Each structure stands twice: as C-alpha cells, then as structure tokens.
C-alpha cells in the first residue's frame, strides 16, 4: 500500500484493491489460484450445498491490504462477509483498520474510487479531531 485509505471490491472470482489520496490511485487485482465458476455443489450432496470458501484467496486479499490505515470493504454478494470472517479468524491485525462494509454491485474502477473517496471524506468529518 502506498496510501492511507483503501477500498477493496470483491466477489468469489476477483478482488480489486485501490489505495488512494485525493489526487492519486494505486490499483491491484487479486484472483484465486483456482477460480471456481460454481459456488454450489450438485443437488443430492450432503452438506450445505455451497463450495468451501477459498481461504488462500482471502489471505492474499488481506496481505494486499496490510499496509492500509483504513479500509472500506465492498462487493455484491457473500464474498465480502466471508472475507470479514477470514480477517476475524486469521488476519486480526487488519480488524481495526476495516471501517466499513457495504453492498455495492459492479461499479467501474472510477465509480468505486469516487464512492470510496466520498465515504472516507464523510467518515473523516465524523471522527474526533486531535
């Protein structure tokens, strides 16, 4: 990470990580080593019917965010919450840096960075000044 604020948009196929200031953006894409197109098992199989979460993928996303000071986690489905669970269990140093989790569909990179800049600008106004 080059900058203090970061946003990560993730689903089960990719994570787009952006760290930024008002004038600059650094981008990184993280993908699972073995991407699966299917998130569900066949019918009639015992268990929840869902494929297991890719912990190595979430580890790589956490590592990509490790240098950030504050992180906004966004995405369209369950992957963002599975990532948060992974952080609680395996990347505890990242926990206090995560300042928000939001559902966001499939924005362009520019839309995502603009949303994150607005989020952090509003959040910064809400925090006590030192």
N, C-alpha and C. Protein backbone atom coordinates (compact mmCIF):
# COMPACT_ATOMS: atom_id res chain seq x y z
N UNK A 1 0.83 -1.18 0.00
CA UNK A 1 0.00 0.00 0.00
C UNK A 1 0.88 1.25 0.00
N UNK A 2 0.47 2.17 -0.81
CA UNK A 2 1.19 3.42 -0.92
C UNK A 2 0.48 4.51 -0.11
N UNK A 3 -0.84 4.44 -0.03
CA UNK A 3 -1.64 5.48 0.60
C UNK A 3 -2.39 4.95 1.82
N UNK A 4 -2.89 5.87 2.64
CA UNK A 4 -3.54 5.53 3.91
C UNK A 4 -4.91 4.87 3.71
N UNK A 5 -5.75 5.43 2.83
CA UNK A 5 -7.09 4.90 2.61
C UNK A 5 -7.09 3.84 1.51
N UNK A 6 -7.92 2.80 1.70
CA UNK A 6 -8.03 1.74 0.70
C UNK A 6 -9.47 1.27 0.63
N UNK A 7 -9.85 0.82 -0.55
CA UNK A 7 -11.14 0.17 -0.75
C UNK A 7 -10.86 -1.13 -1.51
N UNK A 8 -11.59 -2.17 -1.13
CA UNK A 8 -11.49 -3.44 -1.86
C UNK A 8 -12.90 -3.85 -2.26
N UNK A 9 -13.07 -4.09 -3.55
CA UNK A 9 -14.31 -4.66 -4.08
C UNK A 9 -14.00 -6.12 -4.35
N UNK A 10 -14.80 -7.04 -3.80
CA UNK A 10 -14.50 -8.44 -4.05
C UNK A 10 -15.74 -9.28 -4.21
N UNK A 11 -15.59 -10.29 -5.05
CA UNK A 11 -16.54 -11.38 -5.15
C UNK A 11 -15.71 -12.67 -5.12
N UNK A 12 -16.27 -13.79 -5.48
CA UNK A 12 -15.52 -15.04 -5.40
C UNK A 12 -14.54 -15.24 -6.55
N UNK A 13 -14.59 -14.36 -7.55
CA UNK A 13 -13.71 -14.51 -8.71
C UNK A 13 -12.53 -13.56 -8.74
N UNK A 14 -12.66 -12.40 -8.08
CA UNK A 14 -11.57 -11.43 -8.08
C UNK A 14 -11.77 -10.40 -6.97
N UNK A 15 -10.66 -9.78 -6.63
CA UNK A 15 -10.68 -8.64 -5.70
C UNK A 15 -9.94 -7.50 -6.38
N UNK A 16 -10.56 -6.33 -6.38
CA UNK A 16 -9.92 -5.13 -6.92
C UNK A 16 -9.60 -4.24 -5.72
N UNK A 17 -8.32 -4.01 -5.50
CA UNK A 17 -7.84 -3.25 -4.34
C UNK A 17 -7.31 -1.91 -4.83
N UNK A 18 -7.79 -0.83 -4.20
CA UNK A 18 -7.35 0.52 -4.54
C UNK A 18 -6.91 1.22 -3.26
N UNK A 19 -5.71 1.77 -3.27
CA UNK A 19 -5.34 2.70 -2.20
C UNK A 19 -5.18 4.05 -2.88
N UNK A 20 -5.56 5.12 -2.15
CA UNK A 20 -5.71 6.39 -2.85
C UNK A 20 -5.58 7.59 -1.92
N UNK A 21 -5.35 8.74 -2.56
CA UNK A 21 -5.46 10.06 -1.94
C UNK A 21 -6.44 10.84 -2.81
N UNK A 22 -6.57 12.12 -2.55
CA UNK A 22 -7.45 12.96 -3.38
C UNK A 22 -6.93 13.04 -4.82
N UNK A 23 -5.62 12.86 -5.02
CA UNK A 23 -5.02 13.07 -6.34
C UNK A 23 -4.46 11.82 -6.99
N UNK A 24 -4.31 10.73 -6.26
CA UNK A 24 -3.58 9.58 -6.77
C UNK A 24 -4.31 8.28 -6.41
N UNK A 25 -4.16 7.28 -7.28
CA UNK A 25 -4.75 5.96 -7.05
C UNK A 25 -3.73 4.89 -7.43
N UNK A 26 -3.60 3.89 -6.58
CA UNK A 26 -2.78 2.72 -6.86
C UNK A 26 -3.73 1.53 -6.89
N UNK A 27 -3.64 0.69 -7.93
CA UNK A 27 -4.58 -0.41 -8.14
C UNK A 27 -3.86 -1.76 -8.13
N UNK A 28 -4.53 -2.76 -7.55
CA UNK A 28 -4.01 -4.12 -7.54
C UNK A 28 -5.19 -5.07 -7.71
N UNK A 29 -5.02 -6.09 -8.53
CA UNK A 29 -6.05 -7.11 -8.72
C UNK A 29 -5.56 -8.42 -8.12
N UNK A 30 -6.40 -9.06 -7.31
CA UNK A 30 -6.08 -10.35 -6.69
C UNK A 30 -7.10 -11.36 -7.18
N UNK A 31 -6.63 -12.50 -7.64
CA UNK A 31 -7.53 -13.55 -8.08
C UNK A 31 -7.19 -14.85 -7.35
N UNK A 32 -8.18 -15.72 -7.19
CA UNK A 32 -7.90 -17.01 -6.56
C UNK A 32 -6.97 -17.84 -7.43
N UNK A 33 -6.17 -18.67 -6.82
CA UNK A 33 -5.26 -19.55 -7.57
C UNK A 33 -6.04 -20.55 -8.41
N UNK A 34 -7.17 -20.99 -7.89
CA UNK A 34 -8.03 -21.96 -8.58
C UNK A 34 -9.45 -21.42 -8.62
N UNK A 35 -9.73 -20.46 -9.51
CA UNK A 35 -11.08 -19.88 -9.54
C UNK A 35 -12.11 -20.94 -9.90
N UNK A 36 -13.21 -20.89 -9.20
CA UNK A 36 -14.30 -21.82 -9.44
C UNK A 36 -15.46 -21.07 -10.05
N UNK A 37 -16.00 -21.60 -11.10
CA UNK A 37 -17.17 -20.96 -11.70
C UNK A 37 -18.44 -21.36 -10.96
N UNK A 38 -18.36 -22.42 -10.18
CA UNK A 38 -19.54 -22.93 -9.50
C UNK A 38 -19.39 -22.74 -8.00
N UNK A 39 -20.36 -22.06 -7.39
CA UNK A 39 -20.33 -21.85 -5.96
C UNK A 39 -21.19 -22.85 -5.22
N UNK A 40 -21.90 -23.72 -5.97
CA UNK A 40 -22.80 -24.68 -5.36
C UNK A 40 -22.46 -26.09 -5.83
N UNK A 41 -22.63 -27.06 -4.95
CA UNK A 41 -22.47 -28.45 -5.33
C UNK A 41 -23.72 -28.92 -6.06
N UNK A 42 -23.66 -30.12 -6.60
CA UNK A 42 -24.83 -30.70 -7.24
C UNK A 42 -25.89 -31.02 -6.19
N UNK A 43 -27.12 -31.08 -6.64
CA UNK A 43 -28.19 -31.43 -5.71
C UNK A 43 -28.02 -32.87 -5.26
N UNK A 44 -28.51 -33.17 -4.07
CA UNK A 44 -28.41 -34.51 -3.52
C UNK A 44 -27.12 -34.77 -2.77
N UNK A 45 -26.23 -33.79 -2.72
CA UNK A 45 -24.96 -33.94 -2.00
C UNK A 45 -25.18 -33.49 -0.56
N UNK A 46 -24.63 -34.24 0.38
CA UNK A 46 -24.76 -33.87 1.78
C UNK A 46 -24.02 -32.58 2.07
N UNK A 47 -24.48 -31.86 3.07
CA UNK A 47 -23.82 -30.61 3.46
C UNK A 47 -24.65 -29.41 3.05
N UNK A 48 -24.04 -28.24 3.10
CA UNK A 48 -24.78 -27.00 2.86
C UNK A 48 -25.11 -26.79 1.40
N UNK A 49 -24.43 -27.48 0.50
CA UNK A 49 -24.66 -27.27 -0.91
C UNK A 49 -23.76 -26.19 -1.49
N UNK A 50 -22.96 -25.54 -0.66
CA UNK A 50 -22.05 -24.49 -1.11
C UNK A 50 -20.62 -25.02 -1.17
N UNK A 51 -19.88 -24.54 -2.16
CA UNK A 51 -18.46 -24.88 -2.23
C UNK A 51 -17.75 -24.21 -1.05
N UNK A 52 -16.67 -24.79 -0.54
CA UNK A 52 -15.96 -24.17 0.59
C UNK A 52 -15.31 -22.85 0.17
N UNK A 53 -15.19 -21.94 1.12
CA UNK A 53 -14.54 -20.66 0.86
C UNK A 53 -13.05 -20.88 0.60
N UNK A 54 -12.48 -20.07 -0.28
CA UNK A 54 -11.07 -20.17 -0.64
C UNK A 54 -10.25 -19.32 0.32
N UNK A 55 -9.76 -19.93 1.39
CA UNK A 55 -9.03 -19.19 2.42
C UNK A 55 -7.71 -18.62 1.90
N UNK A 56 -7.07 -19.31 0.96
CA UNK A 56 -5.82 -18.78 0.39
C UNK A 56 -6.09 -17.48 -0.38
N UNK A 57 -7.20 -17.42 -1.07
CA UNK A 57 -7.60 -16.20 -1.78
C UNK A 57 -7.81 -15.05 -0.79
N UNK A 58 -8.54 -15.31 0.28
CA UNK A 58 -8.78 -14.27 1.29
C UNK A 58 -7.48 -13.86 1.98
N UNK A 59 -6.57 -14.81 2.18
CA UNK A 59 -5.26 -14.48 2.75
C UNK A 59 -4.52 -13.52 1.82
N UNK A 60 -4.56 -13.76 0.52
CA UNK A 60 -3.90 -12.89 -0.45
C UNK A 60 -4.51 -11.49 -0.47
N UNK A 61 -5.83 -11.42 -0.34
CA UNK A 61 -6.51 -10.12 -0.28
C UNK A 61 -6.08 -9.38 0.98
N UNK A 62 -6.07 -10.07 2.11
CA UNK A 62 -5.65 -9.44 3.38
C UNK A 62 -4.22 -8.95 3.29
N UNK A 63 -3.36 -9.73 2.67
CA UNK A 63 -1.96 -9.32 2.51
C UNK A 63 -1.87 -8.06 1.64
N UNK A 64 -2.68 -7.98 0.60
CA UNK A 64 -2.67 -6.82 -0.28
C UNK A 64 -3.12 -5.55 0.45
N UNK A 65 -3.92 -5.72 1.50
CA UNK A 65 -4.44 -4.58 2.26
C UNK A 65 -3.62 -4.27 3.51
N UNK A 66 -2.61 -5.04 3.80
CA UNK A 66 -1.92 -4.95 5.08
C UNK A 66 -1.29 -3.59 5.36
N UNK A 67 -0.91 -2.84 4.35
CA UNK A 67 -0.27 -1.55 4.58
C UNK A 67 -1.22 -0.39 4.71
N UNK A 68 -2.51 -0.62 4.52
CA UNK A 68 -3.50 0.46 4.58
C UNK A 68 -3.77 0.88 6.02
N UNK A 69 -4.14 2.14 6.20
CA UNK A 69 -4.51 2.63 7.52
C UNK A 69 -5.99 2.45 7.80
N UNK A 70 -6.82 2.66 6.78
CA UNK A 70 -8.27 2.47 6.90
C UNK A 70 -8.77 1.81 5.62
N UNK A 71 -9.71 0.86 5.80
CA UNK A 71 -10.16 0.03 4.68
C UNK A 71 -11.68 0.02 4.63
N UNK A 72 -12.21 0.20 3.42
CA UNK A 72 -13.62 0.02 3.13
C UNK A 72 -13.74 -1.26 2.31
N UNK A 73 -14.57 -2.20 2.75
CA UNK A 73 -14.77 -3.48 2.07
C UNK A 73 -16.13 -3.46 1.40
N UNK A 74 -16.16 -3.68 0.09
CA UNK A 74 -17.43 -3.65 -0.65
C UNK A 74 -17.49 -4.83 -1.61
N UNK A 75 -18.70 -5.15 -2.04
CA UNK A 75 -18.91 -6.21 -3.02
C UNK A 75 -20.38 -6.53 -3.15
N UNK A 76 -20.73 -7.34 -4.16
CA UNK A 76 -22.13 -7.59 -4.44
C UNK A 76 -22.77 -8.73 -3.64
N UNK A 77 -21.99 -9.65 -3.12
CA UNK A 77 -22.59 -10.83 -2.51
C UNK A 77 -21.94 -11.23 -1.21
N UNK A 78 -21.84 -12.56 -1.01
CA UNK A 78 -21.36 -13.12 0.26
C UNK A 78 -19.86 -13.04 0.45
N UNK A 79 -19.10 -12.84 -0.61
CA UNK A 79 -17.63 -12.89 -0.51
C UNK A 79 -17.09 -11.85 0.46
N UNK A 80 -17.68 -10.66 0.49
CA UNK A 80 -17.17 -9.63 1.40
C UNK A 80 -17.35 -10.05 2.85
N UNK A 81 -18.44 -10.72 3.15
CA UNK A 81 -18.67 -11.18 4.53
C UNK A 81 -17.78 -12.38 4.86
N UNK A 82 -17.54 -13.25 3.88
CA UNK A 82 -16.61 -14.36 4.09
C UNK A 82 -15.20 -13.82 4.32
N UNK A 83 -14.85 -12.75 3.62
CA UNK A 83 -13.55 -12.12 3.83
C UNK A 83 -13.45 -11.55 5.25
N UNK A 84 -14.51 -10.90 5.72
CA UNK A 84 -14.51 -10.35 7.09
C UNK A 84 -14.35 -11.49 8.10
N UNK A 85 -15.03 -12.61 7.89
CA UNK A 85 -14.86 -13.77 8.77
C UNK A 85 -13.42 -14.26 8.76
N UNK A 86 -12.81 -14.28 7.58
CA UNK A 86 -11.41 -14.69 7.47
C UNK A 86 -10.52 -13.74 8.26
N UNK A 87 -10.76 -12.45 8.15
CA UNK A 87 -9.97 -11.46 8.88
C UNK A 87 -10.09 -11.69 10.39
N UNK A 88 -11.30 -11.93 10.89
CA UNK A 88 -11.51 -12.17 12.32
C UNK A 88 -10.76 -13.41 12.80
N UNK A 89 -10.67 -14.42 11.94
CA UNK A 89 -10.03 -15.67 12.34
C UNK A 89 -8.53 -15.73 12.06
N UNK A 90 -8.08 -15.07 10.99
CA UNK A 90 -6.71 -15.30 10.54
C UNK A 90 -5.86 -14.05 10.32
N UNK A 91 -6.47 -12.88 10.28
CA UNK A 91 -5.71 -11.65 10.00
C UNK A 91 -6.14 -10.55 10.96
N UNK A 92 -6.02 -10.84 12.24
CA UNK A 92 -6.56 -9.97 13.28
C UNK A 92 -5.97 -8.56 13.26
N UNK A 93 -4.76 -8.39 12.76
CA UNK A 93 -4.16 -7.05 12.70
C UNK A 93 -4.92 -6.14 11.74
N UNK A 94 -5.67 -6.72 10.82
CA UNK A 94 -6.44 -5.94 9.86
C UNK A 94 -7.77 -5.47 10.43
N UNK A 95 -8.27 -6.16 11.46
CA UNK A 95 -9.59 -5.86 12.03
C UNK A 95 -9.82 -4.38 12.34
N UNK A 96 -8.96 -3.73 13.10
CA UNK A 96 -9.24 -2.33 13.46
C UNK A 96 -9.13 -1.37 12.28
N UNK A 97 -8.55 -1.81 11.19
CA UNK A 97 -8.41 -0.96 10.02
C UNK A 97 -9.66 -0.94 9.15
N UNK A 98 -10.51 -1.94 9.30
CA UNK A 98 -11.73 -2.02 8.49
C UNK A 98 -12.78 -1.11 9.13
N UNK A 99 -13.12 -0.05 8.41
CA UNK A 99 -14.03 0.96 8.96
C UNK A 99 -15.43 0.87 8.37
N UNK A 100 -15.62 0.04 7.35
CA UNK A 100 -16.94 -0.10 6.77
C UNK A 100 -17.03 -1.30 5.86
N UNK A 101 -18.25 -1.86 5.77
CA UNK A 101 -18.56 -2.96 4.86
C UNK A 101 -19.88 -2.60 4.20
N UNK A 102 -19.91 -2.56 2.87
CA UNK A 102 -21.11 -2.15 2.14
C UNK A 102 -21.37 -3.08 0.97
N UNK A 103 -22.64 -3.21 0.62
CA UNK A 103 -23.02 -3.93 -0.58
C UNK A 103 -22.97 -2.96 -1.75
N UNK A 104 -22.17 -3.30 -2.74
CA UNK A 104 -22.01 -2.50 -3.94
C UNK A 104 -21.99 -3.47 -5.11
N UNK A 105 -22.79 -3.20 -6.13
CA UNK A 105 -22.94 -4.14 -7.24
C UNK A 105 -21.66 -4.29 -8.05
N UNK A 106 -21.58 -3.80 -9.24
CA UNK A 106 -20.42 -3.96 -10.11
C UNK A 106 -20.03 -2.61 -10.72
N UNK A 107 -19.46 -1.72 -9.90
CA UNK A 107 -19.10 -0.40 -10.41
C UNK A 107 -17.84 -0.45 -11.27
N UNK A 108 -17.65 0.58 -12.07
CA UNK A 108 -16.37 0.72 -12.77
C UNK A 108 -15.32 1.09 -11.73
N UNK A 109 -14.07 0.99 -12.09
CA UNK A 109 -13.00 1.37 -11.17
C UNK A 109 -13.15 2.83 -10.75
N UNK A 110 -13.44 3.71 -11.70
CA UNK A 110 -13.58 5.14 -11.39
C UNK A 110 -14.75 5.38 -10.44
N UNK A 111 -15.87 4.70 -10.66
CA UNK A 111 -17.03 4.84 -9.76
C UNK A 111 -16.70 4.35 -8.36
N UNK A 112 -15.97 3.26 -8.27
CA UNK A 112 -15.61 2.69 -6.98
C UNK A 112 -14.70 3.64 -6.20
N UNK A 113 -13.70 4.18 -6.85
CA UNK A 113 -12.78 5.11 -6.18
C UNK A 113 -13.52 6.38 -5.77
N UNK A 114 -14.40 6.88 -6.62
CA UNK A 114 -15.19 8.07 -6.26
C UNK A 114 -16.07 7.79 -5.05
N UNK A 115 -16.69 6.62 -5.01
CA UNK A 115 -17.53 6.24 -3.86
C UNK A 115 -16.68 6.17 -2.59
N UNK A 116 -15.51 5.56 -2.69
CA UNK A 116 -14.63 5.42 -1.52
C UNK A 116 -14.12 6.77 -1.04
N UNK A 117 -13.77 7.65 -1.96
CA UNK A 117 -13.32 8.99 -1.56
C UNK A 117 -14.43 9.72 -0.81
N UNK A 118 -15.65 9.64 -1.33
CA UNK A 118 -16.79 10.28 -0.65
C UNK A 118 -17.03 9.65 0.71
N UNK A 119 -16.93 8.32 0.80
CA UNK A 119 -17.13 7.62 2.06
C UNK A 119 -16.12 8.10 3.10
N UNK A 120 -14.84 8.11 2.75
CA UNK A 120 -13.82 8.50 3.71
C UNK A 120 -13.88 9.98 4.05
N UNK A 121 -14.27 10.81 3.11
CA UNK A 121 -14.42 12.23 3.41
C UNK A 121 -15.50 12.43 4.47
N UNK A 122 -16.64 11.76 4.29
CA UNK A 122 -17.72 11.85 5.28
C UNK A 122 -17.30 11.22 6.60
N UNK A 123 -16.65 10.07 6.55
CA UNK A 123 -16.22 9.38 7.77
C UNK A 123 -15.21 10.22 8.54
N UNK A 124 -14.29 10.87 7.82
CA UNK A 124 -13.28 11.70 8.48
C UNK A 124 -13.91 12.88 9.21
N UNK A 125 -15.01 13.42 8.68
CA UNK A 125 -15.70 14.52 9.36
C UNK A 125 -16.39 14.07 10.63
N UNK A 126 -16.71 12.78 10.72
CA UNK A 126 -17.42 12.24 11.89
C UNK A 126 -16.48 11.87 13.03
N UNK A 127 -15.20 11.73 12.74
CA UNK A 127 -14.25 11.32 13.77
C UNK A 127 -13.80 12.51 14.59
N UNK A 128 -13.48 12.29 15.86
CA UNK A 128 -12.97 13.38 16.70
C UNK A 128 -11.66 13.92 16.14
N UNK A 129 -11.50 15.21 16.20
CA UNK A 129 -10.28 15.84 15.72
C UNK A 129 -9.25 15.87 16.83
N UNK A 130 -8.01 15.62 16.49
CA UNK A 130 -6.94 15.58 17.50
C UNK A 130 -6.17 16.87 17.52
